[in-house]
Amino acid sequence: MSQQHNESETSRRTWGRRTFVWVLSCTFVAGTAVLPAAEPSGGSSSASGSLSSPEELTSYRAFRRMHAKSEKLNQEGWLDAWTELDATGFRYTIVSERGSDYVRNKVLKAVLYREQQIVAGGADRAALTEENYTFSETEPEDGLRYVLLKPKRKDVMLVEGRMVLDADNGELLRVEGKLSKNPSFWTSLVNVIRHFAKLDGVRVPVSTESVAKVKFAGQSRLDVFYEYESINGRKVSVAGRRMLASAAAGTR
């Protein structure tokens, strides 16, 4: 009886581990991809035009630090990679990795590969535009403005939540909420927070936090930090690097 129980428990843990890494590879790309998405357009909604208008992101080279973990399964892994995006597509080069083979190969590397596929297929479906979202602004609070995001369709690339803006200049500070569609039967909730900064006139993500509730695996998490070397063909300035370091420190 005890042996059967142990075999059943081992089987359940193995299944849960495999489910965990498969689900996370499908889940977290929506929160980690640095896509050249359009800004909110103008129109009838004042909230959709509430962001200041920086230069559009068209290309970058950035060092990306990634960490994924499932506490219940005691599985975690780390990966560092150089990532590049330009008119020819998205590319990445892994420079270091450690931790669980499952997490590194089936989650972290899979996220990068899926991002490559998404960029190749076009990023319009994830953009903060009126084609994808209904925008509505709430009352400012504590020096911040909040714009509610309501996706116009169920899509794993869209977030139901809000944009958080600086009340003085309208700068986008973060996007936070849950994915409007769960990536799979195994995932009951995916929360995403993307932190932004404007570096040398271009708005870019500086870090992301994604937390998913996964059947058998419990709560699972992915954190990503971005260190930009160049944006739109230009080296990031000293001031830009300082701003990036300050922004990253504030989210760790």
C-alpha atoms as a PDB file:
ATOM      1  CA  MET A   1       0.000   0.000   0.000  1.00  0.00           C
ATOM      2  CA  SER A   2       2.809   2.381   0.946  1.00  0.00           C
ATOM      3  CA  GLN A   3       4.723   1.560  -2.224  1.00  0.00           C
ATOM      4  CA  GLN A   4       1.634   2.222  -4.355  1.00  0.00           C
ATOM      5  CA  HIS A   5       1.112   5.519  -2.555  1.00  0.00           C
ATOM      6  CA  ASN A   6       4.733   6.546  -3.144  1.00  0.00           C
ATOM      7  CA  GLU A   7       4.516   5.624  -6.822  1.00  0.00           C
ATOM      8  CA  SER A   8       1.289   7.613  -7.149  1.00  0.00           C
ATOM      9  CA  GLU A   9       2.860  10.604  -5.403  1.00  0.00           C
ATOM     10  CA  THR A  10       5.955  10.409  -7.622  1.00  0.00           C
ATOM     11  CA  SER A  11       3.763  10.198 -10.738  1.00  0.00           C
ATOM     12  CA  ARG A  12       1.713  13.189  -9.607  1.00  0.00           C
ATOM     13  CA  ARG A  13       4.828  15.274  -8.952  1.00  0.00           C
ATOM     14  CA  THR A  14       6.318  14.353 -12.323  1.00  0.00           C
ATOM     15  CA  TRP A  15       3.070  15.238 -14.088  1.00  0.00           C
ATOM     16  CA  GLY A  16       2.814  18.453 -12.128  1.00  0.00           C
ATOM     17  CA  ARG A  17       6.403  19.414 -13.000  1.00  0.00           C
ATOM     18  CA  ARG A  18       5.853  18.786 -16.698  1.00  0.00           C
ATOM     19  CA  THR A  19       2.589  20.709 -16.599  1.00  0.00           C
ATOM     20  CA  PHE A  20       4.306  23.586 -14.816  1.00  0.00           C
ATOM     21  CA  VAL A  21       7.046  24.054 -17.385  1.00  0.00           C
ATOM     22  CA  TRP A  22       4.700  23.624 -20.361  1.00  0.00           C
ATOM     23  CA  VAL A  23       2.145  26.098 -19.026  1.00  0.00           C
ATOM     24  CA  LEU A  24       4.709  28.728 -18.109  1.00  0.00           C
ATOM     25  CA  SER A  25       6.280  28.622 -21.546  1.00  0.00           C
ATOM     26  CA  CYS A  26       2.826  29.396 -22.994  1.00  0.00           C
ATOM     27  CA  THR A  27       1.877  31.878 -20.303  1.00  0.00           C
ATOM     28  CA  PHE A  28       4.654  34.351 -19.681  1.00  0.00           C
ATOM     29  CA  VAL A  29       5.595  35.482 -23.178  1.00  0.00           C
ATOM     30  CA  ALA A  30       2.721  37.981 -23.052  1.00  0.00           C
ATOM     31  CA  GLY A  31       4.369  39.686 -20.099  1.00  0.00           C
ATOM     32  CA  THR A  32       7.988  39.555 -21.212  1.00  0.00           C
ATOM     33  CA  ALA A  33       8.103  40.399 -24.920  1.00  0.00           C
ATOM     34  CA  VAL A  34       9.596  43.773 -25.858  1.00  0.00           C
ATOM     35  CA  LEU A  35       7.466  44.490 -28.899  1.00  0.00           C
ATOM     36  CA  PRO A  36       7.439  47.544 -31.199  1.00  0.00           C
ATOM     37  CA  ALA A  37       3.781  48.139 -30.371  1.00  0.00           C
ATOM     38  CA  ALA A  38       1.915  51.312 -31.213  1.00  0.00           C
ATOM     39  CA  GLU A  39       0.899  53.890 -28.651  1.00  0.00           C
ATOM     40  CA  PRO A  40      -2.746  54.512 -27.713  1.00  0.00           C
ATOM     41  CA  SER A  41      -4.404  56.436 -30.516  1.00  0.00           C
ATOM     42  CA  GLY A  42      -6.539  59.530 -30.176  1.00  0.00           C
ATOM     43  CA  GLY A  43     -10.223  59.590 -30.912  1.00  0.00           C
ATOM     44  CA  SER A  44     -13.336  59.807 -28.819  1.00  0.00           C
ATOM     45  CA  SER A  45     -11.716  58.490 -25.658  1.00  0.00           C
ATOM     46  CA  SER A  46      -9.586  61.083 -23.895  1.00  0.00           C
ATOM     47  CA  ALA A  47      -7.915  58.335 -21.894  1.00  0.00           C
ATOM     48  CA  SER A  48      -6.571  56.657 -25.010  1.00  0.00           C
ATOM     49  CA  GLY A  49      -4.657  59.805 -25.843  1.00  0.00           C
ATOM     50  CA  SER A  50      -3.433  60.421 -22.319  1.00  0.00           C
ATOM     51  CA  LEU A  51       0.123  59.183 -22.834  1.00  0.00           C
ATOM     52  CA  SER A  52       2.864  61.539 -23.884  1.00  0.00           C
ATOM     53  CA  SER A  53       4.221  60.663 -27.325  1.00  0.00           C
ATOM     54  CA  PRO A  54       7.830  59.446 -27.287  1.00  0.00           C
ATOM     55  CA  GLU A  55       9.715  58.207 -30.303  1.00  0.00           C
ATOM     56  CA  GLU A  56       8.396  54.841 -31.507  1.00  0.00           C
ATOM     57  CA  LEU A  57      10.472  51.796 -30.577  1.00  0.00           C
ATOM     58  CA  THR A  58      11.710  50.170 -33.802  1.00  0.00           C
ATOM     59  CA  SER A  59      14.874  48.344 -32.734  1.00  0.00           C
ATOM     60  CA  TYR A  60      16.984  47.575 -29.684  1.00  0.00           C
ATOM     61  CA  ARG A  61      19.790  45.467 -28.257  1.00  0.00           C
ATOM     62  CA  ALA A  62      19.327  44.531 -24.610  1.00  0.00           C
ATOM     63  CA  PHE A  63      20.734  42.173 -21.993  1.00  0.00           C
ATOM     64  CA  ARG A  64      17.893  40.223 -20.426  1.00  0.00           C
ATOM     65  CA  ARG A  65      17.992  38.532 -17.004  1.00  0.00           C
ATOM     66  CA  MET A  66      15.277  35.909 -16.455  1.00  0.00           C
ATOM     67  CA  HIS A  67      14.246  33.848 -13.425  1.00  0.00           C
ATOM     68  CA  ALA A  68      11.335  31.392 -13.120  1.00  0.00           C
ATOM     69  CA  LYS A  69      10.240  29.503 -10.018  1.00  0.00           C
ATOM     70  CA  SER A  70       7.556  27.177  -8.688  1.00  0.00           C
ATOM     71  CA  GLU A  71       7.701  26.988  -4.900  1.00  0.00           C
ATOM     72  CA  LYS A  72       5.422  23.956  -4.594  1.00  0.00           C
ATOM     73  CA  LEU A  73       7.521  21.865  -6.979  1.00  0.00           C
ATOM     74  CA  ASN A  74      10.788  23.373  -5.721  1.00  0.00           C
ATOM     75  CA  GLN A  75      11.877  24.084  -9.302  1.00  0.00           C
ATOM     76  CA  GLU A  76      13.638  27.267 -10.446  1.00  0.00           C
ATOM     77  CA  GLY A  77      16.079  28.407 -13.067  1.00  0.00           C
ATOM     78  CA  TRP A  78      18.015  31.451 -14.248  1.00  0.00           C
ATOM     79  CA  LEU A  79      18.996  32.557 -17.732  1.00  0.00           C
ATOM     80  CA  ASP A  80      20.855  35.593 -19.122  1.00  0.00           C
ATOM     81  CA  ALA A  81      20.692  36.428 -22.811  1.00  0.00           C
ATOM     82  CA  TRP A  82      21.444  39.159 -25.309  1.00  0.00           C
ATOM     83  CA  THR A  83      18.294  40.028 -27.250  1.00  0.00           C
ATOM     84  CA  GLU A  84      17.980  42.081 -30.432  1.00  0.00           C
ATOM     85  CA  LEU A  85      15.096  43.344 -32.488  1.00  0.00           C
ATOM     86  CA  ASP A  86      15.163  45.157 -35.834  1.00  0.00           C
ATOM     87  CA  ALA A  87      13.441  45.074 -39.211  1.00  0.00           C
ATOM     88  CA  THR A  88      14.645  41.516 -39.811  1.00  0.00           C
ATOM     89  CA  GLY A  89      13.052  40.111 -36.637  1.00  0.00           C
ATOM     90  CA  PHE A  90      13.896  39.096 -33.064  1.00  0.00           C
ATOM     91  CA  ARG A  91      17.089  37.217 -32.153  1.00  0.00           C
ATOM     92  CA  TYR A  92      18.665  36.058 -28.900  1.00  0.00           C
ATOM     93  CA  THR A  93      21.970  34.623 -27.704  1.00  0.00           C
ATOM     94  CA  ILE A  94      22.104  32.833 -24.352  1.00  0.00           C
ATOM     95  CA  VAL A  95      25.242  33.694 -22.403  1.00  0.00           C
ATOM     96  CA  SER A  96      24.664  31.948 -19.054  1.00  0.00           C
ATOM     97  CA  GLU A  97      22.148  29.688 -17.333  1.00  0.00           C
ATOM     98  CA  ARG A  98      21.784  27.696 -14.140  1.00  0.00           C
ATOM     99  CA  GLY A  99      19.237  25.876 -12.028  1.00  0.00           C
ATOM    100  CA  SER A 100      16.628  23.322 -13.065  1.00  0.00           C
ATOM    101  CA  ASP A 101      17.086  21.837 -16.531  1.00  0.00           C
ATOM    102  CA  TYR A 102      13.294  21.649 -16.853  1.00  0.00           C
ATOM    103  CA  VAL A 103      12.789  25.339 -16.092  1.00  0.00           C
ATOM    104  CA  ARG A 104      15.695  26.545 -18.217  1.00  0.00           C
ATOM    105  CA  ASN A 105      14.861  24.470 -21.270  1.00  0.00           C
ATOM    106  CA  LYS A 106      11.072  24.292 -21.114  1.00  0.00           C
ATOM    107  CA  VAL A 107      10.250  27.731 -19.693  1.00  0.00           C
ATOM    108  CA  LEU A 108      12.977  30.340 -20.089  1.00  0.00           C
ATOM    109  CA  LYS A 109      14.286  29.246 -23.480  1.00  0.00           C
ATOM    110  CA  ALA A 110      10.744  28.510 -24.635  1.00  0.00           C
ATOM    111  CA  VAL A 111       9.652  32.056 -23.731  1.00  0.00           C
ATOM    112  CA  LEU A 112      12.412  33.517 -25.915  1.00  0.00           C
ATOM    113  CA  TYR A 113      11.520  31.213 -28.791  1.00  0.00           C
ATOM    114  CA  ARG A 114       7.808  32.074 -28.547  1.00  0.00           C
ATOM    115  CA  GLU A 115       8.654  35.775 -28.526  1.00  0.00           C
ATOM    116  CA  GLN A 116      10.597  35.232 -31.735  1.00  0.00           C
ATOM    117  CA  GLN A 117       7.511  33.625 -33.271  1.00  0.00           C
ATOM    118  CA  ILE A 118       5.209  36.429 -32.118  1.00  0.00           C
ATOM    119  CA  VAL A 119       7.450  39.138 -33.572  1.00  0.00           C
ATOM    120  CA  ALA A 120       7.626  37.230 -36.861  1.00  0.00           C
ATOM    121  CA  GLY A 121       3.831  37.096 -36.955  1.00  0.00           C
ATOM    122  CA  GLY A 122       3.330  40.793 -36.142  1.00  0.00           C
ATOM    123  CA  ALA A 123       2.799  42.510 -32.792  1.00  0.00           C
ATOM    124  CA  ASP A 124      -0.356  44.525 -33.531  1.00  0.00           C
ATOM    125  CA  ARG A 125      -2.553  42.167 -31.505  1.00  0.00           C
ATOM    126  CA  ALA A 126      -0.704  43.200 -28.318  1.00  0.00           C
ATOM    127  CA  ALA A 127      -0.586  46.965 -28.907  1.00  0.00           C
ATOM    128  CA  LEU A 128      -2.159  49.536 -26.594  1.00  0.00           C
ATOM    129  CA  THR A 129      -4.571  50.806 -29.251  1.00  0.00           C
ATOM    130  CA  GLU A 130      -8.308  51.345 -29.599  1.00  0.00           C
ATOM    131  CA  GLU A 131      -8.402  48.355 -31.942  1.00  0.00           C
ATOM    132  CA  ASN A 132      -7.544  46.182 -28.942  1.00  0.00           C
ATOM    133  CA  TYR A 133      -8.803  48.083 -25.898  1.00  0.00           C
ATOM    134  CA  THR A 134     -11.474  50.339 -24.480  1.00  0.00           C
ATOM    135  CA  PHE A 135      -9.828  53.036 -22.318  1.00  0.00           C
ATOM    136  CA  SER A 136     -11.452  54.847 -19.392  1.00  0.00           C
ATOM    137  CA  GLU A 137      -9.685  57.139 -16.942  1.00  0.00           C
ATOM    138  CA  THR A 138     -10.411  57.285 -13.214  1.00  0.00           C
ATOM    139  CA  GLU A 139      -9.726  60.076 -10.752  1.00  0.00           C
ATOM    140  CA  PRO A 140      -6.011  60.881 -10.123  1.00  0.00           C
ATOM    141  CA  GLU A 141      -4.639  59.741  -6.785  1.00  0.00           C
ATOM    142  CA  ASP A 142      -1.324  60.360  -4.991  1.00  0.00           C
ATOM    143  CA  GLY A 143       0.287  61.971  -8.037  1.00  0.00           C
ATOM    144  CA  LEU A 144      -0.727  59.138 -10.353  1.00  0.00           C
ATOM    145  CA  ARG A 145      -3.313  58.743 -13.095  1.00  0.00           C
ATOM    146  CA  TYR A 146      -5.064  55.448 -13.754  1.00  0.00           C
ATOM    147  CA  VAL A 147      -6.480  54.393 -17.111  1.00  0.00           C
ATOM    148  CA  LEU A 148      -8.573  51.246 -17.062  1.00  0.00           C
ATOM    149  CA  LEU A 149      -7.901  48.723 -19.831  1.00  0.00           C
ATOM    150  CA  LYS A 150     -10.790  46.602 -21.091  1.00  0.00           C
ATOM    151  CA  PRO A 151      -9.776  44.225 -23.902  1.00  0.00           C
ATOM    152  CA  LYS A 152     -12.171  44.102 -26.847  1.00  0.00           C
ATOM    153  CA  ARG A 153     -11.649  40.351 -27.190  1.00  0.00           C
ATOM    154  CA  LYS A 154     -10.358  37.392 -25.206  1.00  0.00           C
ATOM    155  CA  ASP A 155      -6.671  37.084 -26.084  1.00  0.00           C
ATOM    156  CA  VAL A 156      -3.649  35.808 -24.152  1.00  0.00           C
ATOM    157  CA  MET A 157      -1.697  38.826 -25.438  1.00  0.00           C
ATOM    158  CA  LEU A 158      -4.095  41.378 -23.903  1.00  0.00           C
ATOM    159  CA  VAL A 159      -4.278  42.500 -20.276  1.00  0.00           C
ATOM    160  CA  GLU A 160      -7.428  43.343 -18.367  1.00  0.00           C
ATOM    161  CA  GLY A 161      -6.321  45.919 -15.812  1.00  0.00           C
ATOM    162  CA  ARG A 162      -4.938  49.434 -15.946  1.00  0.00           C
ATOM    163  CA  MET A 163      -2.176  51.749 -17.072  1.00  0.00           C
ATOM    164  CA  VAL A 164      -0.495  53.796 -14.363  1.00  0.00           C
ATOM    165  CA  LEU A 165       0.701  57.229 -15.510  1.00  0.00           C
ATOM    166  CA  ASP A 166       2.643  60.083 -13.975  1.00  0.00           C
ATOM    167  CA  ALA A 167       0.050  62.778 -13.248  1.00  0.00           C
ATOM    168  CA  ASP A 168       2.388  65.631 -14.213  1.00  0.00           C
ATOM    169  CA  ASN A 169       3.700  64.522 -17.593  1.00  0.00           C
ATOM    170  CA  GLY A 170       1.516  61.577 -18.593  1.00  0.00           C
ATOM    171  CA  GLU A 171       4.471  59.180 -18.734  1.00  0.00           C
ATOM    172  CA  LEU A 172       3.561  55.497 -18.639  1.00  0.00           C
ATOM    173  CA  LEU A 173       4.974  53.940 -15.457  1.00  0.00           C
ATOM    174  CA  ARG A 174       3.479  50.480 -15.638  1.00  0.00           C
ATOM    175  CA  VAL A 175       0.751  48.251 -17.037  1.00  0.00           C
ATOM    176  CA  GLU A 176      -0.790  45.839 -14.548  1.00  0.00           C
ATOM    177  CA  GLY A 177      -3.600  43.334 -14.542  1.00  0.00           C
ATOM    178  CA  LYS A 178      -4.508  39.795 -15.563  1.00  0.00           C
ATOM    179  CA  LEU A 179      -4.379  38.180 -18.970  1.00  0.00           C
ATOM    180  CA  SER A 180      -7.809  38.489 -20.574  1.00  0.00           C
ATOM    181  CA  LYS A 181      -7.672  34.818 -21.555  1.00  0.00           C
ATOM    182  CA  ASN A 182      -6.008  31.980 -19.675  1.00  0.00           C
ATOM    183  CA  PRO A 183      -3.392  30.278 -21.858  1.00  0.00           C
ATOM    184  CA  SER A 184      -4.642  26.784 -21.024  1.00  0.00           C
ATOM    185  CA  PHE A 185      -6.925  24.623 -18.886  1.00  0.00           C
ATOM    186  CA  TRP A 186      -4.042  24.263 -16.415  1.00  0.00           C
ATOM    187  CA  THR A 187      -3.859  27.971 -15.606  1.00  0.00           C
ATOM    188  CA  SER A 188      -6.578  29.641 -13.527  1.00  0.00           C
ATOM    189  CA  LEU A 189      -5.091  33.130 -13.247  1.00  0.00           C
ATOM    190  CA  VAL A 190      -2.142  35.020 -14.709  1.00  0.00           C
ATOM    191  CA  ASN A 191      -1.207  38.410 -13.247  1.00  0.00           C
ATOM    192  CA  VAL A 192       1.298  40.625 -15.066  1.00  0.00           C
ATOM    193  CA  ILE A 193       3.054  43.873 -14.113  1.00  0.00           C
ATOM    194  CA  ARG A 194       5.227  45.593 -16.730  1.00  0.00           C
ATOM    195  CA  HIS A 195       7.359  48.537 -15.576  1.00  0.00           C
ATOM    196  CA  PHE A 196       8.319  51.193 -18.147  1.00  0.00           C
ATOM    197  CA  ALA A 197      10.771  54.068 -18.492  1.00  0.00           C
ATOM    198  CA  LYS A 198      11.535  56.551 -21.253  1.00  0.00           C
ATOM    199  CA  LEU A 199      15.187  56.142 -22.243  1.00  0.00           C
ATOM    200  CA  ASP A 200      16.610  58.805 -24.528  1.00  0.00           C
ATOM    201  CA  GLY A 201      13.117  59.695 -25.715  1.00  0.00           C
ATOM    202  CA  VAL A 202      11.900  56.118 -26.305  1.00  0.00           C
ATOM    203  CA  ARG A 203       9.523  54.280 -23.975  1.00  0.00           C
ATOM    204  CA  VAL A 204      10.663  50.717 -23.181  1.00  0.00           C
ATOM    205  CA  PRO A 205       9.873  48.023 -20.590  1.00  0.00           C
ATOM    206  CA  VAL A 206      12.509  47.837 -17.852  1.00  0.00           C
ATOM    207  CA  SER A 207      11.166  44.851 -15.932  1.00  0.00           C
ATOM    208  CA  THR A 208       8.218  42.473 -15.792  1.00  0.00           C
ATOM    209  CA  GLU A 209       6.663  40.382 -13.049  1.00  0.00           C
ATOM    210  CA  SER A 210       4.345  37.512 -13.987  1.00  0.00           C
ATOM    211  CA  VAL A 211       2.582  35.223 -11.512  1.00  0.00           C
ATOM    212  CA  ALA A 212       0.412  32.279 -12.567  1.00  0.00           C
ATOM    213  CA  LYS A 213      -1.753  29.854 -10.623  1.00  0.00           C
ATOM    214  CA  VAL A 214      -1.063  26.447 -12.165  1.00  0.00           C
ATOM    215  CA  LYS A 215      -2.890  23.211 -11.352  1.00  0.00           C
ATOM    216  CA  PHE A 216      -0.626  20.758  -9.467  1.00  0.00           C
ATOM    217  CA  ALA A 217       2.210  23.299  -9.412  1.00  0.00           C
ATOM    218  CA  GLY A 218       0.582  26.026  -7.326  1.00  0.00           C
ATOM    219  CA  GLN A 219       1.830  29.581  -7.704  1.00  0.00           C
ATOM    220  CA  SER A 220       4.587  29.998 -10.284  1.00  0.00           C
ATOM    221  CA  ARG A 221       6.519  33.157 -11.050  1.00  0.00           C
ATOM    222  CA  LEU A 222       8.692  34.701 -13.759  1.00  0.00           C
ATOM    223  CA  ASP A 223      10.773  37.875 -13.322  1.00  0.00           C
ATOM    224  CA  VAL A 224      12.616  39.580 -16.163  1.00  0.00           C
ATOM    225  CA  PHE A 225      14.951  42.608 -16.126  1.00  0.00           C
ATOM    226  CA  TYR A 226      16.140  44.480 -19.229  1.00  0.00           C
ATOM    227  CA  GLU A 227      19.447  46.349 -19.609  1.00  0.00           C
ATOM    228  CA  TYR A 228      19.486  48.229 -22.920  1.00  0.00           C
ATOM    229  CA  GLU A 229      22.725  48.755 -24.821  1.00  0.00           C
ATOM    230  CA  SER A 230      21.166  50.509 -27.821  1.00  0.00           C
ATOM    231  CA  ILE A 231      17.687  51.709 -28.826  1.00  0.00           C
ATOM    232  CA  ASN A 232      16.664  52.593 -32.384  1.00  0.00           C
ATOM    233  CA  GLY A 233      20.234  52.249 -33.573  1.00  0.00           C
ATOM    234  CA  ARG A 234      21.686  54.607 -30.958  1.00  0.00           C
ATOM    235  CA  LYS A 235      23.790  53.754 -27.924  1.00  0.00           C
ATOM    236  CA  VAL A 236      21.952  54.420 -24.675  1.00  0.00           C
ATOM    237  CA  SER A 237      23.350  57.582 -23.110  1.00  0.00           C
ATOM    238  CA  VAL A 238      24.978  57.795 -19.685  1.00  0.00           C
ATOM    239  CA  ALA A 239      21.844  59.514 -18.381  1.00  0.00           C
ATOM    240  CA  GLY A 240      19.722  56.761 -19.892  1.00  0.00           C
ATOM    241  CA  ARG A 241      21.805  54.048 -18.246  1.00  0.00           C
ATOM    242  CA  ARG A 242      21.500  55.793 -14.888  1.00  0.00           C
ATOM    243  CA  MET A 243      17.734  56.056 -15.303  1.00  0.00           C
ATOM    244  CA  LEU A 244      17.552  52.393 -16.256  1.00  0.00           C
ATOM    245  CA  ALA A 245      19.601  51.356 -13.212  1.00  0.00           C
ATOM    246  CA  SER A 246      17.407  53.474 -10.951  1.00  0.00           C
ATOM    247  CA  ALA A 247      14.197  52.060 -12.432  1.00  0.00           C
ATOM    248  CA  ALA A 248      15.441  48.476 -12.130  1.00  0.00           C
ATOM    249  CA  ALA A 249      16.498  49.014  -8.511  1.00  0.00           C
ATOM    250  CA  GLY A 250      13.046  50.309  -7.691  1.00  0.00           C
ATOM    251  CA  THR A 251      11.323  47.134  -8.904  1.00  0.00           C
ATOM    252  CA  ARG A 252      13.621  44.512  -7.373  1.00  0.00           C
END
